[in-house]
């Protein structure tokens, strides 16, 4: 076992650590138009997505055959547009995120990115926001189609370093699903009301502690919540019954937080790691 680190904590990028104020979305859409000579497209849903899968779905929608050549051309165009046409003054790292990352490193955790960005655009965003210095491994998108496949790369990195992934921070439902799939505790960053995400949580999760009624989540979002899901079988995961029974028996946990100051102030006192899922291995 690697004694240098307590374990690994992974982070999504867009919407979790940084906001590009839709610059990245516009660059993606404009790159698609330029690459495939299309003038108008319906904007896809980017949140919690994987760049290759989004591109593949767009190509199917417009009757385009996606291959390695036009995929590379798209990524090149995407990066150029992102570099040359973004309003970087509007980009920001979420308040106190830098402090929280330093805090985790000082506690002895190794930090890893798990994001649906293509590597080329993901590393550009990390460097542009001065976040690259915190992370030891980057699980960005290459040929993966799902967040579970992206997390699998991080799992392999963890195994090679004799470590466990203890927690994953994200802002999307797919972050929760990919974490649960590998028995990793999800931390959901919810800085403001997200009606669709709350709708998904209402359907999929049963609140056990501190919030007796899910409706309180909307009215008391300023508070810090510990949520426990005992209804994993309602999540629609494509896994067998024994996994579902094991998940329920292992008392899956989900932490929801509104700000990085909040999570930092509560992290050591509130979260005994005995209560956090045992981590993928």
C-alpha atoms as a PDB file:
ATOM      1  CA  UNK A   1       0.000   0.000   0.000  1.00  0.00           C
ATOM      2  CA  UNK A   2       1.226   3.521  -0.839  1.00  0.00           C
ATOM      3  CA  UNK A   3       1.859   5.188   2.547  1.00  0.00           C
ATOM      4  CA  UNK A   4       2.702   8.590   1.079  1.00  0.00           C
ATOM      5  CA  UNK A   5      -0.957   9.478   0.478  1.00  0.00           C
ATOM      6  CA  UNK A   6      -4.176   8.850   2.408  1.00  0.00           C
ATOM      7  CA  UNK A   7      -5.962   8.151  -0.855  1.00  0.00           C
ATOM      8  CA  UNK A   8      -7.172   9.767  -4.055  1.00  0.00           C
ATOM      9  CA  UNK A   9      -9.880  12.391  -4.473  1.00  0.00           C
ATOM     10  CA  UNK A  10     -11.122  13.086  -7.995  1.00  0.00           C
ATOM     11  CA  UNK A  11     -12.718  16.188  -9.478  1.00  0.00           C
ATOM     12  CA  UNK A  12     -14.798  17.023 -12.500  1.00  0.00           C
ATOM     13  CA  UNK A  13     -13.753  20.294 -14.168  1.00  0.00           C
ATOM     14  CA  UNK A  14     -16.472  22.407 -15.833  1.00  0.00           C
ATOM     15  CA  UNK A  15     -19.205  23.440 -13.442  1.00  0.00           C
ATOM     16  CA  UNK A  16     -17.310  21.922 -10.527  1.00  0.00           C
ATOM     17  CA  UNK A  17     -14.031  23.838 -10.363  1.00  0.00           C
ATOM     18  CA  UNK A  18     -14.403  26.391 -13.147  1.00  0.00           C
ATOM     19  CA  UNK A  19     -16.969  28.290 -15.175  1.00  0.00           C
ATOM     20  CA  UNK A  20     -16.219  29.473 -18.700  1.00  0.00           C
ATOM     21  CA  UNK A  21     -19.544  31.338 -18.850  1.00  0.00           C
ATOM     22  CA  UNK A  22     -20.606  29.335 -21.932  1.00  0.00           C
ATOM     23  CA  UNK A  23     -17.416  30.178 -23.879  1.00  0.00           C
ATOM     24  CA  UNK A  24     -16.558  26.490 -24.136  1.00  0.00           C
ATOM     25  CA  UNK A  25     -20.059  25.602 -25.315  1.00  0.00           C
ATOM     26  CA  UNK A  26     -19.947  28.264 -28.015  1.00  0.00           C
ATOM     27  CA  UNK A  27     -16.478  27.131 -29.101  1.00  0.00           C
ATOM     28  CA  UNK A  28     -17.660  23.513 -29.318  1.00  0.00           C
ATOM     29  CA  UNK A  29     -20.705  24.437 -31.409  1.00  0.00           C
ATOM     30  CA  UNK A  30     -18.747  26.768 -33.698  1.00  0.00           C
ATOM     31  CA  UNK A  31     -16.061  24.119 -34.177  1.00  0.00           C
ATOM     32  CA  UNK A  32     -18.719  21.616 -35.212  1.00  0.00           C
ATOM     33  CA  UNK A  33     -20.179  24.090 -37.701  1.00  0.00           C
ATOM     34  CA  UNK A  34     -16.747  24.876 -39.139  1.00  0.00           C
ATOM     35  CA  UNK A  35     -15.575  21.266 -39.330  1.00  0.00           C
ATOM     36  CA  UNK A  36     -18.697  19.902 -40.992  1.00  0.00           C
ATOM     37  CA  UNK A  37     -19.882  23.001 -42.922  1.00  0.00           C
ATOM     38  CA  UNK A  38     -23.162  23.292 -41.054  1.00  0.00           C
ATOM     39  CA  UNK A  39     -24.702  26.705 -40.463  1.00  0.00           C
ATOM     40  CA  UNK A  40     -27.203  26.035 -37.694  1.00  0.00           C
ATOM     41  CA  UNK A  41     -27.456  23.306 -35.067  1.00  0.00           C
ATOM     42  CA  UNK A  42     -29.563  22.679 -31.996  1.00  0.00           C
ATOM     43  CA  UNK A  43     -27.432  23.044 -28.896  1.00  0.00           C
ATOM     44  CA  UNK A  44     -26.749  19.671 -27.249  1.00  0.00           C
ATOM     45  CA  UNK A  45     -26.828  19.069 -23.515  1.00  0.00           C
ATOM     46  CA  UNK A  46     -23.255  19.430 -22.292  1.00  0.00           C
ATOM     47  CA  UNK A  47     -23.692  19.036 -18.532  1.00  0.00           C
ATOM     48  CA  UNK A  48     -22.153  15.832 -17.276  1.00  0.00           C
ATOM     49  CA  UNK A  49     -21.380  14.752 -20.819  1.00  0.00           C
ATOM     50  CA  UNK A  50     -18.381  13.308 -22.628  1.00  0.00           C
ATOM     51  CA  UNK A  51     -17.023  15.268 -25.589  1.00  0.00           C
ATOM     52  CA  UNK A  52     -16.684  12.302 -27.943  1.00  0.00           C
ATOM     53  CA  UNK A  53     -20.202  11.058 -27.215  1.00  0.00           C
ATOM     54  CA  UNK A  54     -21.627  14.555 -27.728  1.00  0.00           C
ATOM     55  CA  UNK A  55     -19.773  14.805 -31.055  1.00  0.00           C
ATOM     56  CA  UNK A  56     -20.898  11.337 -32.097  1.00  0.00           C
ATOM     57  CA  UNK A  57     -24.539  12.155 -31.337  1.00  0.00           C
ATOM     58  CA  UNK A  58     -24.334  15.431 -33.259  1.00  0.00           C
ATOM     59  CA  UNK A  59     -22.868  13.632 -36.268  1.00  0.00           C
ATOM     60  CA  UNK A  60     -25.655  11.049 -36.188  1.00  0.00           C
ATOM     61  CA  UNK A  61     -28.265  13.808 -35.953  1.00  0.00           C
ATOM     62  CA  UNK A  62     -26.935  15.521 -39.074  1.00  0.00           C
ATOM     63  CA  UNK A  63     -26.097  12.393 -41.068  1.00  0.00           C
ATOM     64  CA  UNK A  64     -22.321  12.736 -40.803  1.00  0.00           C
ATOM     65  CA  UNK A  65     -19.905   9.816 -40.641  1.00  0.00           C
ATOM     66  CA  UNK A  66     -17.464  10.410 -37.787  1.00  0.00           C
ATOM     67  CA  UNK A  67     -13.959   9.082 -38.361  1.00  0.00           C
ATOM     68  CA  UNK A  68     -10.507   9.616 -36.896  1.00  0.00           C
ATOM     69  CA  UNK A  69      -9.632  12.293 -39.466  1.00  0.00           C
ATOM     70  CA  UNK A  70     -12.624  14.573 -38.989  1.00  0.00           C
ATOM     71  CA  UNK A  71     -12.548  13.925 -35.256  1.00  0.00           C
ATOM     72  CA  UNK A  72      -8.991  15.309 -35.147  1.00  0.00           C
ATOM     73  CA  UNK A  73      -9.996  18.250 -37.333  1.00  0.00           C
ATOM     74  CA  UNK A  74     -12.876  19.000 -34.976  1.00  0.00           C
ATOM     75  CA  UNK A  75     -10.632  18.924 -31.888  1.00  0.00           C
ATOM     76  CA  UNK A  76      -8.087  21.200 -33.615  1.00  0.00           C
ATOM     77  CA  UNK A  77     -10.841  23.663 -34.551  1.00  0.00           C
ATOM     78  CA  UNK A  78     -12.362  23.478 -31.083  1.00  0.00           C
ATOM     79  CA  UNK A  79      -9.053  24.288 -29.416  1.00  0.00           C
ATOM     80  CA  UNK A  80      -8.260  27.151 -31.816  1.00  0.00           C
ATOM     81  CA  UNK A  81     -11.668  28.743 -31.327  1.00  0.00           C
ATOM     82  CA  UNK A  82     -11.436  28.259 -27.571  1.00  0.00           C
ATOM     83  CA  UNK A  83      -8.021  29.945 -27.541  1.00  0.00           C
ATOM     84  CA  UNK A  84      -8.830  32.795 -29.913  1.00  0.00           C
ATOM     85  CA  UNK A  85     -12.486  33.656 -29.386  1.00  0.00           C
ATOM     86  CA  UNK A  86     -13.154  33.116 -25.671  1.00  0.00           C
ATOM     87  CA  UNK A  87     -13.836  35.965 -23.296  1.00  0.00           C
ATOM     88  CA  UNK A  88     -11.262  34.901 -20.730  1.00  0.00           C
ATOM     89  CA  UNK A  89     -12.120  37.771 -18.405  1.00  0.00           C
ATOM     90  CA  UNK A  90     -15.458  36.071 -17.780  1.00  0.00           C
ATOM     91  CA  UNK A  91     -13.851  32.714 -16.900  1.00  0.00           C
ATOM     92  CA  UNK A  92     -13.456  32.026 -13.215  1.00  0.00           C
ATOM     93  CA  UNK A  93     -12.516  29.399 -10.677  1.00  0.00           C
ATOM     94  CA  UNK A  94     -15.267  28.953  -8.119  1.00  0.00           C
ATOM     95  CA  UNK A  95     -14.640  30.927  -4.950  1.00  0.00           C
ATOM     96  CA  UNK A  96     -12.347  29.182  -2.436  1.00  0.00           C
ATOM     97  CA  UNK A  97     -11.756  26.213  -4.782  1.00  0.00           C
ATOM     98  CA  UNK A  98      -8.004  26.942  -4.857  1.00  0.00           C
ATOM     99  CA  UNK A  99      -7.926  26.979  -1.044  1.00  0.00           C
ATOM    100  CA  UNK A 100      -9.831  23.717  -0.839  1.00  0.00           C
ATOM    101  CA  UNK A 101      -7.466  21.951  -3.242  1.00  0.00           C
ATOM    102  CA  UNK A 102      -4.447  23.147  -1.253  1.00  0.00           C
ATOM    103  CA  UNK A 103      -6.215  22.029   1.923  1.00  0.00           C
ATOM    104  CA  UNK A 104      -6.760  18.505   0.557  1.00  0.00           C
ATOM    105  CA  UNK A 105      -3.168  18.196  -0.631  1.00  0.00           C
ATOM    106  CA  UNK A 106      -1.921  19.314   2.779  1.00  0.00           C
ATOM    107  CA  UNK A 107      -4.088  16.638   4.383  1.00  0.00           C
ATOM    108  CA  UNK A 108      -2.269  14.050   2.290  1.00  0.00           C
ATOM    109  CA  UNK A 109      -4.651  13.349  -0.563  1.00  0.00           C
ATOM    110  CA  UNK A 110      -3.552  12.855  -4.172  1.00  0.00           C
ATOM    111  CA  UNK A 111      -5.806  14.783  -6.556  1.00  0.00           C
ATOM    112  CA  UNK A 112      -6.995  13.604  -9.972  1.00  0.00           C
ATOM    113  CA  UNK A 113      -9.191  15.125 -12.690  1.00  0.00           C
ATOM    114  CA  UNK A 114     -11.982  12.986 -14.193  1.00  0.00           C
ATOM    115  CA  UNK A 115     -13.635  15.049 -16.909  1.00  0.00           C
ATOM    116  CA  UNK A 116     -15.458  14.585 -20.206  1.00  0.00           C
ATOM    117  CA  UNK A 117     -13.279  17.223 -21.883  1.00  0.00           C
ATOM    118  CA  UNK A 118     -11.005  16.190 -24.701  1.00  0.00           C
ATOM    119  CA  UNK A 119      -7.453  16.181 -23.372  1.00  0.00           C
ATOM    120  CA  UNK A 120      -6.392  19.078 -25.588  1.00  0.00           C
ATOM    121  CA  UNK A 121      -9.162  21.407 -24.452  1.00  0.00           C
ATOM    122  CA  UNK A 122      -9.219  20.128 -20.878  1.00  0.00           C
ATOM    123  CA  UNK A 123      -5.537  20.802 -20.261  1.00  0.00           C
ATOM    124  CA  UNK A 124      -5.934  24.231 -21.870  1.00  0.00           C
ATOM    125  CA  UNK A 125      -8.724  25.084 -19.411  1.00  0.00           C
ATOM    126  CA  UNK A 126      -6.704  23.781 -16.463  1.00  0.00           C
ATOM    127  CA  UNK A 127      -3.629  25.822 -17.373  1.00  0.00           C
ATOM    128  CA  UNK A 128      -5.642  28.933 -18.220  1.00  0.00           C
ATOM    129  CA  UNK A 129      -7.201  28.856 -14.744  1.00  0.00           C
ATOM    130  CA  UNK A 130      -3.916  27.863 -12.992  1.00  0.00           C
ATOM    131  CA  UNK A 131      -5.376  24.623 -11.662  1.00  0.00           C
ATOM    132  CA  UNK A 132      -3.017  22.182 -13.374  1.00  0.00           C
ATOM    133  CA  UNK A 133      -0.464  22.358 -10.534  1.00  0.00           C
ATOM    134  CA  UNK A 134      -2.790  20.551  -8.127  1.00  0.00           C
ATOM    135  CA  UNK A 135      -3.389  17.348 -10.084  1.00  0.00           C
ATOM    136  CA  UNK A 136      -1.200  14.279 -10.461  1.00  0.00           C
ATOM    137  CA  UNK A 137      -3.259  12.514 -13.115  1.00  0.00           C
ATOM    138  CA  UNK A 138      -5.745  13.698 -15.733  1.00  0.00           C
ATOM    139  CA  UNK A 139      -8.471  11.350 -16.944  1.00  0.00           C
ATOM    140  CA  UNK A 140      -9.678  13.348 -19.929  1.00  0.00           C
ATOM    141  CA  UNK A 141     -11.605  12.058 -22.922  1.00  0.00           C
ATOM    142  CA  UNK A 142      -9.872  10.134 -25.687  1.00  0.00           C
ATOM    143  CA  UNK A 143     -12.019   7.262 -26.971  1.00  0.00           C
ATOM    144  CA  UNK A 144     -14.288   6.910 -23.931  1.00  0.00           C
ATOM    145  CA  UNK A 145     -18.038   7.359 -24.372  1.00  0.00           C
ATOM    146  CA  UNK A 146     -19.216   7.475 -20.745  1.00  0.00           C
ATOM    147  CA  UNK A 147     -18.228   8.926 -17.391  1.00  0.00           C
ATOM    148  CA  UNK A 148     -17.898   5.390 -16.074  1.00  0.00           C
ATOM    149  CA  UNK A 149     -15.178   4.680 -18.646  1.00  0.00           C
ATOM    150  CA  UNK A 150     -13.401   7.891 -17.659  1.00  0.00           C
ATOM    151  CA  UNK A 151     -13.530   6.911 -14.005  1.00  0.00           C
ATOM    152  CA  UNK A 152     -12.183   3.492 -14.956  1.00  0.00           C
ATOM    153  CA  UNK A 153      -8.969   5.179 -16.171  1.00  0.00           C
ATOM    154  CA  UNK A 154      -8.638   6.883 -12.801  1.00  0.00           C
ATOM    155  CA  UNK A 155      -9.278   3.538 -11.096  1.00  0.00           C
ATOM    156  CA  UNK A 156      -6.421   1.977 -13.060  1.00  0.00           C
ATOM    157  CA  UNK A 157      -4.150   4.854 -12.045  1.00  0.00           C
ATOM    158  CA  UNK A 158      -5.156   4.312  -8.412  1.00  0.00           C
ATOM    159  CA  UNK A 159      -4.491   0.572  -8.637  1.00  0.00           C
ATOM    160  CA  UNK A 160      -1.059   1.128 -10.194  1.00  0.00           C
ATOM    161  CA  UNK A 161      -0.200   3.421  -7.281  1.00  0.00           C
ATOM    162  CA  UNK A 162      -1.681   1.095  -4.634  1.00  0.00           C
ATOM    163  CA  UNK A 163      -4.263   3.690  -3.620  1.00  0.00           C
ATOM    164  CA  UNK A 164      -8.047   3.924  -3.390  1.00  0.00           C
ATOM    165  CA  UNK A 165     -10.300   6.644  -4.754  1.00  0.00           C
ATOM    166  CA  UNK A 166     -12.222   7.820  -1.702  1.00  0.00           C
ATOM    167  CA  UNK A 167     -14.370  10.604  -3.131  1.00  0.00           C
ATOM    168  CA  UNK A 168     -15.377  12.307  -6.370  1.00  0.00           C
ATOM    169  CA  UNK A 169     -16.492  15.938  -6.668  1.00  0.00           C
ATOM    170  CA  UNK A 170     -18.836  16.845  -9.512  1.00  0.00           C
ATOM    171  CA  UNK A 171     -21.866  18.905 -10.446  1.00  0.00           C
ATOM    172  CA  UNK A 172     -23.903  16.490 -12.558  1.00  0.00           C
ATOM    173  CA  UNK A 173     -26.034  13.406 -12.177  1.00  0.00           C
ATOM    174  CA  UNK A 174     -23.502  11.436 -14.232  1.00  0.00           C
ATOM    175  CA  UNK A 175     -20.881  12.247 -11.579  1.00  0.00           C
ATOM    176  CA  UNK A 176     -23.093  10.572  -8.979  1.00  0.00           C
ATOM    177  CA  UNK A 177     -23.725   7.521 -11.156  1.00  0.00           C
ATOM    178  CA  UNK A 178     -20.074   6.969 -12.105  1.00  0.00           C
ATOM    179  CA  UNK A 179     -19.030   7.315  -8.461  1.00  0.00           C
ATOM    180  CA  UNK A 180     -21.610   4.855  -7.185  1.00  0.00           C
ATOM    181  CA  UNK A 181     -20.647   2.395  -9.908  1.00  0.00           C
ATOM    182  CA  UNK A 182     -17.160   2.117  -8.381  1.00  0.00           C
ATOM    183  CA  UNK A 183     -18.213   2.458  -4.723  1.00  0.00           C
ATOM    184  CA  UNK A 184     -16.749   5.966  -4.518  1.00  0.00           C
ATOM    185  CA  UNK A 185     -18.444   8.583  -2.355  1.00  0.00           C
ATOM    186  CA  UNK A 186     -19.940  11.384  -4.504  1.00  0.00           C
ATOM    187  CA  UNK A 187     -19.765  15.024  -3.432  1.00  0.00           C
ATOM    188  CA  UNK A 188     -22.240  17.114  -5.407  1.00  0.00           C
ATOM    189  CA  UNK A 189     -21.421  20.802  -5.894  1.00  0.00           C
ATOM    190  CA  UNK A 190     -24.722  22.671  -6.050  1.00  0.00           C
ATOM    191  CA  UNK A 191     -23.960  26.418  -5.802  1.00  0.00           C
ATOM    192  CA  UNK A 192     -27.450  27.363  -6.914  1.00  0.00           C
ATOM    193  CA  UNK A 193     -30.778  25.725  -7.603  1.00  0.00           C
ATOM    194  CA  UNK A 194     -30.651  23.313 -10.533  1.00  0.00           C
ATOM    195  CA  UNK A 195     -34.254  22.315 -11.168  1.00  0.00           C
ATOM    196  CA  UNK A 196     -33.449  19.358 -13.423  1.00  0.00           C
ATOM    197  CA  UNK A 197     -30.879  17.971 -11.041  1.00  0.00           C
ATOM    198  CA  UNK A 198     -33.218  18.403  -8.090  1.00  0.00           C
ATOM    199  CA  UNK A 199     -35.912  16.636 -10.095  1.00  0.00           C
ATOM    200  CA  UNK A 200     -33.546  13.717 -10.690  1.00  0.00           C
ATOM    201  CA  UNK A 201     -32.619  13.626  -7.022  1.00  0.00           C
ATOM    202  CA  UNK A 202     -36.267  13.689  -5.997  1.00  0.00           C
ATOM    203  CA  UNK A 203     -36.937  10.674  -8.175  1.00  0.00           C
ATOM    204  CA  UNK A 204     -33.794   8.743  -7.389  1.00  0.00           C
ATOM    205  CA  UNK A 205     -32.749   9.469  -3.829  1.00  0.00           C
ATOM    206  CA  UNK A 206     -34.303   8.976  -0.450  1.00  0.00           C
ATOM    207  CA  UNK A 207     -33.203  11.586   2.073  1.00  0.00           C
ATOM    208  CA  UNK A 208     -32.318  10.087   5.421  1.00  0.00           C
ATOM    209  CA  UNK A 209     -30.436  12.576   7.595  1.00  0.00           C
ATOM    210  CA  UNK A 210     -30.951  16.303   8.305  1.00  0.00           C
ATOM    211  CA  UNK A 211     -33.454  16.656   5.480  1.00  0.00           C
ATOM    212  CA  UNK A 212     -36.619  14.731   6.253  1.00  0.00           C
ATOM    213  CA  UNK A 213     -38.486  16.108   3.253  1.00  0.00           C
ATOM    214  CA  UNK A 214     -36.845  16.532  -0.161  1.00  0.00           C
ATOM    215  CA  UNK A 215     -38.779  19.786  -0.652  1.00  0.00           C
ATOM    216  CA  UNK A 216     -36.626  21.279   2.103  1.00  0.00           C
ATOM    217  CA  UNK A 217     -33.663  20.975  -0.213  1.00  0.00           C
ATOM    218  CA  UNK A 218     -34.966  23.860  -2.321  1.00  0.00           C
ATOM    219  CA  UNK A 219     -35.851  26.108   0.606  1.00  0.00           C
ATOM    220  CA  UNK A 220     -32.741  25.399   2.685  1.00  0.00           C
ATOM    221  CA  UNK A 221     -30.103  25.101  -0.005  1.00  0.00           C
ATOM    222  CA  UNK A 222     -27.826  27.433   1.963  1.00  0.00           C
ATOM    223  CA  UNK A 223     -27.258  24.673   4.497  1.00  0.00           C
ATOM    224  CA  UNK A 224     -24.817  21.813   4.299  1.00  0.00           C
ATOM    225  CA  UNK A 225     -26.501  18.464   3.797  1.00  0.00           C
ATOM    226  CA  UNK A 226     -25.622  14.865   4.329  1.00  0.00           C
ATOM    227  CA  UNK A 227     -27.842  12.746   2.135  1.00  0.00           C
ATOM    228  CA  UNK A 228     -28.077   8.995   2.222  1.00  0.00           C
ATOM    229  CA  UNK A 229     -29.611   7.004  -0.603  1.00  0.00           C
ATOM    230  CA  UNK A 230     -31.163   3.660   0.217  1.00  0.00           C
ATOM    231  CA  UNK A 231     -33.016   3.432  -3.071  1.00  0.00           C
ATOM    232  CA  UNK A 232     -30.151   2.754  -5.449  1.00  0.00           C
ATOM    233  CA  UNK A 233     -32.303   0.188  -7.236  1.00  0.00           C
ATOM    234  CA  UNK A 234     -34.413   3.102  -8.505  1.00  0.00           C
ATOM    235  CA  UNK A 235     -31.448   4.726 -10.218  1.00  0.00           C
ATOM    236  CA  UNK A 236     -31.725   2.597 -13.316  1.00  0.00           C
ATOM    237  CA  UNK A 237     -28.118   1.475 -13.171  1.00  0.00           C
ATOM    238  CA  UNK A 238     -27.361  -1.353 -15.561  1.00  0.00           C
ATOM    239  CA  UNK A 239     -25.974  -3.619 -12.885  1.00  0.00           C
ATOM    240  CA  UNK A 240     -27.019  -6.953 -11.468  1.00  0.00           C
ATOM    241  CA  UNK A 241     -29.187  -7.555  -8.422  1.00  0.00           C
ATOM    242  CA  UNK A 242     -26.278  -8.640  -6.217  1.00  0.00           C
ATOM    243  CA  UNK A 243     -24.534  -5.308  -6.833  1.00  0.00           C
ATOM    244  CA  UNK A 244     -27.700  -3.433  -5.887  1.00  0.00           C
ATOM    245  CA  UNK A 245     -28.085  -5.427  -2.691  1.00  0.00           C
ATOM    246  CA  UNK A 246     -24.435  -4.832  -1.848  1.00  0.00           C
ATOM    247  CA  UNK A 247     -24.800  -1.088  -2.518  1.00  0.00           C
ATOM    248  CA  UNK A 248     -27.753  -0.807  -0.165  1.00  0.00           C
ATOM    249  CA  UNK A 249     -26.032  -2.930   2.455  1.00  0.00           C
ATOM    250  CA  UNK A 250     -22.898  -0.736   2.242  1.00  0.00           C
ATOM    251  CA  UNK A 251     -24.956   2.373   3.019  1.00  0.00           C
ATOM    252  CA  UNK A 252     -24.136   4.536   0.003  1.00  0.00           C
ATOM    253  CA  UNK A 253     -23.639   8.191   0.845  1.00  0.00           C
ATOM    254  CA  UNK A 254     -23.962  11.414  -1.103  1.00  0.00           C
ATOM    255  CA  UNK A 255     -22.727  14.774   0.173  1.00  0.00           C
ATOM    256  CA  UNK A 256     -24.217  17.970  -1.232  1.00  0.00           C
ATOM    257  CA  UNK A 257     -22.507  21.311  -0.695  1.00  0.00           C
ATOM    258  CA  UNK A 258     -23.051  24.886  -1.829  1.00  0.00           C
ATOM    259  CA  UNK A 259     -19.584  26.423  -1.492  1.00  0.00           C
ATOM    260  CA  UNK A 260     -15.959  25.352  -1.154  1.00  0.00           C
ATOM    261  CA  UNK A 261     -15.593  27.346   2.053  1.00  0.00           C
ATOM    262  CA  UNK A 262     -18.471  25.353   3.495  1.00  0.00           C
ATOM    263  CA  UNK A 263     -16.988  21.992   2.563  1.00  0.00           C
ATOM    264  CA  UNK A 264     -13.504  23.000   3.735  1.00  0.00           C
ATOM    265  CA  UNK A 265     -14.759  24.207   7.108  1.00  0.00           C
ATOM    266  CA  UNK A 266     -16.685  20.971   7.671  1.00  0.00           C
ATOM    267  CA  UNK A 267     -14.431  18.439   6.017  1.00  0.00           C
ATOM    268  CA  UNK A 268     -12.315  17.152   8.894  1.00  0.00           C
ATOM    269  CA  UNK A 269     -14.852  17.532  11.701  1.00  0.00           C
ATOM    270  CA  UNK A 270     -17.944  16.343   9.864  1.00  0.00           C
ATOM    271  CA  UNK A 271     -16.493  13.621   7.662  1.00  0.00           C
ATOM    272  CA  UNK A 272     -14.980  10.743   9.478  1.00  0.00           C
ATOM    273  CA  UNK A 273     -13.677   8.672   6.584  1.00  0.00           C
ATOM    274  CA  UNK A 274     -15.118   5.596   8.229  1.00  0.00           C
ATOM    275  CA  UNK A 275     -18.472   6.935   7.033  1.00  0.00           C
ATOM    276  CA  UNK A 276     -17.288   7.517   3.509  1.00  0.00           C
ATOM    277  CA  UNK A 277     -17.662   4.641   1.092  1.00  0.00           C
ATOM    278  CA  UNK A 278     -14.690   2.312   1.168  1.00  0.00           C
ATOM    279  CA  UNK A 279     -13.545   3.400  -2.266  1.00  0.00           C
ATOM    280  CA  UNK A 280     -12.922   1.561  -5.501  1.00  0.00           C
ATOM    281  CA  UNK A 281     -10.232  -1.042  -5.573  1.00  0.00           C
END
